């Protein structure tokens, strides 16, 4: 489930990363040696460590601990409005949005905070929204093996609002339905009603 990354021996050093930032500052037309930019490379590398911390995480591990003493509960479980910040892999511009996750348990459930952590782990990588949506759904399906999974993501892409076509107020919606969420129209409709996405919103 983890995305392939560079080997530890191949990963650039922090000094090399900061030098790369200074190169970009120079390319943009500024002087990285001036007072206001002296510490910028350090700050940018620190920020990258936060923004892309998902590469150091293994999302399926968050779902490993489950609970079976739920008094036979077998109805839909939905966690909606999970806020996330990601970055598009094409321009490294922010993607800001919300994820909605639901599943139909088959004998075991997971703590709701763990669903949010799965979203966060995949978001904190360079992403394409469609891929991120599928990764979250596939991870939940693979580990929990529920009767169905639904994931809907709403994202605003800064690569579209701050460059290129410069269109603001536009959001992209992607979904991934597995199992009964895909095969049963009533289950899918119930999920979309819970998260308030779909016709009549």
Protein backbone atom coordinates (compact mmCIF):
# COMPACT_ATOMS: atom_id res chain seq x y z
CA UNK A 1 0.00 0.00 0.00
CA UNK A 2 2.92 2.35 0.59
CA UNK A 3 4.09 4.36 -2.40
CA UNK A 4 7.60 3.61 -3.57
CA UNK A 5 10.11 6.27 -2.60
CA UNK A 6 13.84 6.76 -2.88
CA UNK A 7 16.15 4.43 -1.03
CA UNK A 8 17.71 5.90 2.09
CA UNK A 9 21.05 6.00 0.27
CA UNK A 10 19.51 7.94 -2.64
CA UNK A 11 17.62 10.52 -0.60
CA UNK A 12 19.17 13.99 -0.81
CA UNK A 13 20.62 15.47 2.35
CA UNK A 14 19.00 18.41 4.08
CA UNK A 15 21.85 20.60 2.86
CA UNK A 16 21.16 19.55 -0.73
CA UNK A 17 17.45 20.28 -0.28
CA UNK A 18 18.16 23.76 1.08
CA UNK A 19 20.57 24.41 -1.79
CA UNK A 20 17.80 23.46 -4.23
CA UNK A 21 15.50 26.04 -2.64
CA UNK A 22 18.19 28.71 -3.01
CA UNK A 23 18.49 27.77 -6.68
CA UNK A 24 14.75 28.24 -7.17
CA UNK A 25 14.85 31.60 -5.38
CA UNK A 26 17.61 32.72 -7.73
CA UNK A 27 15.74 31.38 -10.76
CA UNK A 28 12.65 33.34 -9.69
CA UNK A 29 14.74 36.50 -9.84
CA UNK A 30 15.53 37.21 -6.20
CA UNK A 31 18.70 37.09 -4.13
CA UNK A 32 18.66 34.19 -1.62
CA UNK A 33 21.42 35.97 0.30
CA UNK A 34 19.31 38.98 1.22
CA UNK A 35 18.10 39.29 4.81
CA UNK A 36 14.49 38.34 4.20
CA UNK A 37 15.43 35.14 2.37
CA UNK A 38 18.42 33.92 4.39
CA UNK A 39 16.32 31.48 6.43
CA UNK A 40 13.78 30.70 3.70
CA UNK A 41 15.49 27.48 2.51
CA UNK A 42 15.45 26.13 6.07
CA UNK A 43 11.78 27.05 6.50
CA UNK A 44 10.80 25.52 3.16
CA UNK A 45 12.55 22.23 3.94
CA UNK A 46 10.84 22.15 7.35
CA UNK A 47 7.50 22.77 5.65
CA UNK A 48 8.15 19.97 3.16
CA UNK A 49 8.82 17.63 6.05
CA UNK A 50 5.34 18.42 7.35
CA UNK A 51 3.46 18.57 4.04
CA UNK A 52 4.88 15.26 2.80
CA UNK A 53 5.08 13.34 6.07
CA UNK A 54 2.69 10.75 4.61
CA UNK A 55 5.57 9.06 2.82
CA UNK A 56 6.88 7.91 6.19
CA UNK A 57 3.52 6.41 7.21
CA UNK A 58 1.91 3.06 6.39
CA UNK A 59 -1.85 3.73 6.27
CA UNK A 60 -3.02 0.08 6.67
CA UNK A 61 -1.36 -0.04 10.09
CA UNK A 62 -3.86 2.51 11.38
CA UNK A 63 -6.68 0.02 10.70
CA UNK A 64 -4.97 -3.00 12.22
CA UNK A 65 -6.68 -2.68 15.62
CA UNK A 66 -10.39 -3.43 15.31
CA UNK A 67 -13.30 -4.02 17.66
CA UNK A 68 -15.77 -6.87 17.43
CA UNK A 69 -17.85 -6.25 20.56
CA UNK A 70 -20.36 -3.93 18.91
CA UNK A 71 -23.59 -5.75 19.88
CA UNK A 72 -24.07 -7.05 16.35
CA UNK A 73 -24.02 -3.59 14.77
CA UNK A 74 -23.95 -4.03 11.00
CA UNK A 75 -25.31 -0.76 9.63
CA UNK A 76 -23.39 1.91 7.78
CA UNK A 77 -20.63 3.83 9.53
CA UNK A 78 -19.84 7.23 8.05
CA UNK A 79 -17.20 9.81 8.93
CA UNK A 80 -17.74 12.96 6.96
CA UNK A 81 -16.06 16.35 6.55
CA UNK A 82 -12.51 15.10 7.21
CA UNK A 83 -10.52 18.20 6.32
CA UNK A 84 -7.22 17.66 4.53
CA UNK A 85 -4.42 19.54 2.83
CA UNK A 86 -2.53 17.88 0.02
CA UNK A 87 -0.37 18.93 -2.94
CA UNK A 88 -0.90 18.12 -6.59
CA UNK A 89 1.90 16.12 -8.13
CA UNK A 90 1.85 18.13 -11.36
CA UNK A 91 2.55 21.61 -9.99
CA UNK A 92 3.13 20.95 -6.26
CA UNK A 93 0.30 23.40 -5.55
CA UNK A 94 -2.04 22.88 -2.60
CA UNK A 95 -5.23 20.85 -2.75
CA UNK A 96 -7.54 21.84 0.11
CA UNK A 97 -10.68 19.87 0.78
CA UNK A 98 -12.78 17.41 2.69
CA UNK A 99 -13.06 13.63 2.55
CA UNK A 100 -16.14 11.59 3.41
CA UNK A 101 -15.65 7.91 4.26
CA UNK A 102 -18.23 5.20 4.88
CA UNK A 103 -18.27 1.43 5.20
CA UNK A 104 -20.60 -1.43 6.02
CA UNK A 105 -18.84 -3.54 8.68
CA UNK A 106 -18.70 -7.29 8.47
CA UNK A 107 -18.13 -8.23 12.09
CA UNK A 108 -15.47 -5.67 13.02
CA UNK A 109 -15.19 -1.92 13.24
CA UNK A 110 -12.29 0.48 13.65
CA UNK A 111 -11.89 3.59 15.78
CA UNK A 112 -13.14 6.60 13.82
CA UNK A 113 -9.94 8.56 14.37
CA UNK A 114 -8.12 5.84 12.44
CA UNK A 115 -10.20 6.57 9.34
CA UNK A 116 -9.13 10.20 9.57
CA UNK A 117 -5.50 9.12 9.93
CA UNK A 118 -5.74 7.04 6.75
CA UNK A 119 -7.02 10.09 4.88
CA UNK A 120 -4.25 12.23 6.34
CA UNK A 121 -1.50 9.74 5.48
CA UNK A 122 -2.47 9.62 1.81
CA UNK A 123 -3.13 13.37 1.63
CA UNK A 124 0.34 14.25 2.89
CA UNK A 125 1.96 13.03 -0.31
CA UNK A 126 2.14 14.40 -3.81
CA UNK A 127 -1.26 13.45 -5.14
CA UNK A 128 -3.81 13.29 -7.89
CA UNK A 129 -7.26 13.51 -6.32
CA UNK A 130 -8.59 10.54 -8.24
CA UNK A 131 -5.69 8.39 -7.06
CA UNK A 132 -6.01 9.54 -3.47
CA UNK A 133 -9.73 8.65 -3.48
CA UNK A 134 -8.99 5.14 -4.73
CA UNK A 135 -6.09 4.63 -2.31
CA UNK A 136 -8.24 5.43 0.72
CA UNK A 137 -11.09 3.16 -0.39
CA UNK A 138 -8.77 0.28 -1.34
CA UNK A 139 -6.91 0.52 1.97
CA UNK A 140 -10.12 0.27 4.01
CA UNK A 141 -11.43 -2.59 1.86
CA UNK A 142 -8.15 -4.52 2.03
CA UNK A 143 -7.68 -4.28 5.79
CA UNK A 144 -11.22 -4.29 7.24
CA UNK A 145 -12.83 -6.45 4.52
CA UNK A 146 -16.25 -4.83 5.03
CA UNK A 147 -19.30 -5.51 2.89
CA UNK A 148 -18.75 -2.20 1.15
CA UNK A 149 -16.78 1.03 1.16
CA UNK A 150 -17.57 4.50 -0.10
CA UNK A 151 -15.18 7.43 -0.34
CA UNK A 152 -16.03 10.88 -1.69
CA UNK A 153 -13.52 13.71 -1.83
CA UNK A 154 -14.21 17.38 -2.52
CA UNK A 155 -11.09 19.41 -3.30
CA UNK A 156 -10.14 22.91 -4.39
CA UNK A 157 -7.00 22.86 -6.52
CA UNK A 158 -4.70 25.86 -6.26
CA UNK A 159 -2.96 24.83 -9.49
CA UNK A 160 -6.22 25.90 -11.16
CA UNK A 161 -7.01 28.97 -9.06
CA UNK A 162 -3.58 30.63 -8.80
CA UNK A 163 -2.18 29.80 -12.26
CA UNK A 164 -3.35 28.63 -15.67
CA UNK A 165 -7.06 29.35 -16.09
CA UNK A 166 -7.27 31.26 -12.75
CA UNK A 167 -10.76 29.97 -11.90
CA UNK A 168 -11.77 30.47 -8.27
CA UNK A 169 -14.66 28.91 -6.40
CA UNK A 170 -14.34 25.65 -8.32
CA UNK A 171 -14.23 22.33 -6.50
CA UNK A 172 -13.63 18.85 -7.82
CA UNK A 173 -15.58 15.85 -6.55
CA UNK A 174 -14.32 12.29 -6.90
CA UNK A 175 -15.75 9.05 -5.56
CA UNK A 176 -14.81 5.42 -5.19
CA UNK A 177 -17.46 2.84 -4.35
CA UNK A 178 -16.65 -0.78 -3.56
CA UNK A 179 -18.80 -3.79 -2.70
CA UNK A 180 -22.38 -2.97 -1.77
CA UNK A 181 -21.73 0.76 -2.20
CA UNK A 182 -21.12 0.04 -5.87
CA UNK A 183 -23.62 -2.77 -6.45
CA UNK A 184 -26.60 -1.58 -4.40
CA UNK A 185 -28.13 1.74 -5.47
CA UNK A 186 -29.96 2.09 -2.14
CA UNK A 187 -26.76 1.72 -0.13
CA UNK A 188 -25.01 4.24 -2.33
CA UNK A 189 -27.92 6.68 -2.07
CA UNK A 190 -27.98 6.35 1.72
CA UNK A 191 -24.27 7.13 1.90
CA UNK A 192 -24.61 10.17 -0.36
CA UNK A 193 -27.56 11.36 1.72
CA UNK A 194 -25.51 11.04 4.92
CA UNK A 195 -22.69 13.15 3.51
CA UNK A 196 -25.04 15.56 1.72
CA UNK A 197 -23.53 15.06 -1.72
CA UNK A 198 -25.58 14.42 -4.83
CA UNK A 199 -28.77 15.69 -6.50
CA UNK A 200 -30.60 18.38 -4.60
CA UNK A 201 -27.63 19.43 -2.50
